[in-house]
């Protein structure tokens, strides 16, 4: 019986097709990875804010926290207030 084997040209064509498909798909994967990293960073910041709120409530001590590049003041009762930036250029 004769066994059919792939020729070198057939293997190279398949390899080239796979390379082209990967070149088209890779940028989409990178965008997905970047959005996932942004999501995890925001999630970590939010968890820190909520943990600060819990600590302020338990310890009856006010504190400050940062979330999404904004500063927040947390009262001793656990209430979160946004801190407005002042426009002092002095």
Protein backbone atom coordinates (compact mmCIF):
# COMPACT_ATOMS: atom_id res chain seq x y z
CA UNK A 1 0.00 0.00 0.00
CA UNK A 2 1.05 3.50 -0.76
CA UNK A 3 1.01 6.00 2.14
CA UNK A 4 0.24 9.58 1.25
CA UNK A 5 2.65 12.04 2.81
CA UNK A 6 2.41 15.81 2.79
CA UNK A 7 4.85 17.61 0.57
CA UNK A 8 7.05 20.40 1.80
CA UNK A 9 5.08 22.96 -0.22
CA UNK A 10 1.78 21.86 1.34
CA UNK A 11 3.23 22.21 4.83
CA UNK A 12 4.64 25.67 4.03
CA UNK A 13 1.28 26.85 2.65
CA UNK A 14 -0.49 25.72 5.82
CA UNK A 15 2.16 27.41 7.94
CA UNK A 16 1.78 30.67 6.00
CA UNK A 17 -2.01 30.57 6.37
CA UNK A 18 -1.72 30.03 10.12
CA UNK A 19 0.76 32.93 10.36
CA UNK A 20 -1.59 35.27 8.48
CA UNK A 21 -4.54 34.32 10.68
CA UNK A 22 -2.48 34.89 13.84
CA UNK A 23 -1.34 38.29 12.54
CA UNK A 24 -4.98 39.29 12.09
CA UNK A 25 -6.16 37.94 15.46
CA UNK A 26 -3.27 39.11 17.69
CA UNK A 27 -4.23 42.84 17.81
CA UNK A 28 -7.75 41.95 18.95
CA UNK A 29 -6.29 39.80 21.71
CA UNK A 30 -4.06 42.63 22.87
CA UNK A 31 -7.02 45.03 23.10
CA UNK A 32 -8.90 42.47 25.16
CA UNK A 33 -5.90 42.03 27.45
CA UNK A 34 -5.57 45.81 27.95
CA UNK A 35 -9.26 46.18 28.79
CA UNK A 36 -8.98 43.30 31.27
CA UNK A 37 -5.99 44.99 32.94
CA UNK A 38 -7.95 48.26 33.22
CA UNK A 39 -10.87 46.36 34.74
CA UNK A 40 -8.68 44.66 37.35
CA UNK A 41 -6.97 47.95 38.27
CA UNK A 42 -10.34 49.67 38.76
CA UNK A 43 -11.56 46.71 40.76
CA UNK A 44 -8.52 46.86 43.05
CA UNK A 45 -8.99 50.60 43.60
CA UNK A 46 -12.68 50.10 44.38
CA UNK A 47 -11.85 47.34 46.88
CA UNK A 48 -9.35 49.64 48.61
CA UNK A 49 -12.01 52.35 48.84
CA UNK A 50 -14.55 49.96 50.37
CA UNK A 51 -11.92 48.56 52.76
CA UNK A 52 -11.08 52.11 53.88
CA UNK A 53 -14.79 52.72 54.42
CA UNK A 54 -15.06 49.57 56.53
CA UNK A 55 -11.97 50.48 58.56
CA UNK A 56 -13.28 54.00 59.20
CA UNK A 57 -16.60 52.61 60.37
CA UNK A 58 -15.03 49.99 62.68
CA UNK A 59 -12.22 52.17 64.07
CA UNK A 60 -14.41 55.30 64.28
CA UNK A 61 -11.58 57.17 62.63
CA UNK A 62 -11.89 59.26 59.45
CA UNK A 63 -9.62 58.50 56.52
CA UNK A 64 -9.05 59.35 52.86
CA UNK A 65 -8.90 57.11 49.80
CA UNK A 66 -8.40 57.41 46.07
CA UNK A 67 -10.57 55.84 43.37
CA UNK A 68 -10.53 56.58 39.63
CA UNK A 69 -8.04 59.43 40.17
CA UNK A 70 -10.42 61.16 42.57
CA UNK A 71 -9.86 61.67 46.29
CA UNK A 72 -12.52 60.71 48.79
CA UNK A 73 -12.97 61.52 52.47
CA UNK A 74 -14.49 58.78 54.59
CA UNK A 75 -16.11 59.92 57.81
CA UNK A 76 -15.97 57.98 61.06
CA UNK A 77 -19.51 56.77 60.32
CA UNK A 78 -18.38 55.24 57.03
CA UNK A 79 -19.95 57.87 54.78
CA UNK A 80 -17.93 58.60 51.62
CA UNK A 81 -17.58 62.20 50.41
CA UNK A 82 -15.81 63.30 47.22
CA UNK A 83 -13.06 65.84 47.83
CA UNK A 84 -13.20 68.68 45.34
CA UNK A 85 -9.88 69.91 43.98
CA UNK A 86 -9.07 73.51 44.81
CA UNK A 87 -7.89 75.83 42.07
CA UNK A 88 -5.20 77.53 44.14
CA UNK A 89 -2.26 78.37 41.88
CA UNK A 90 -0.31 80.22 44.60
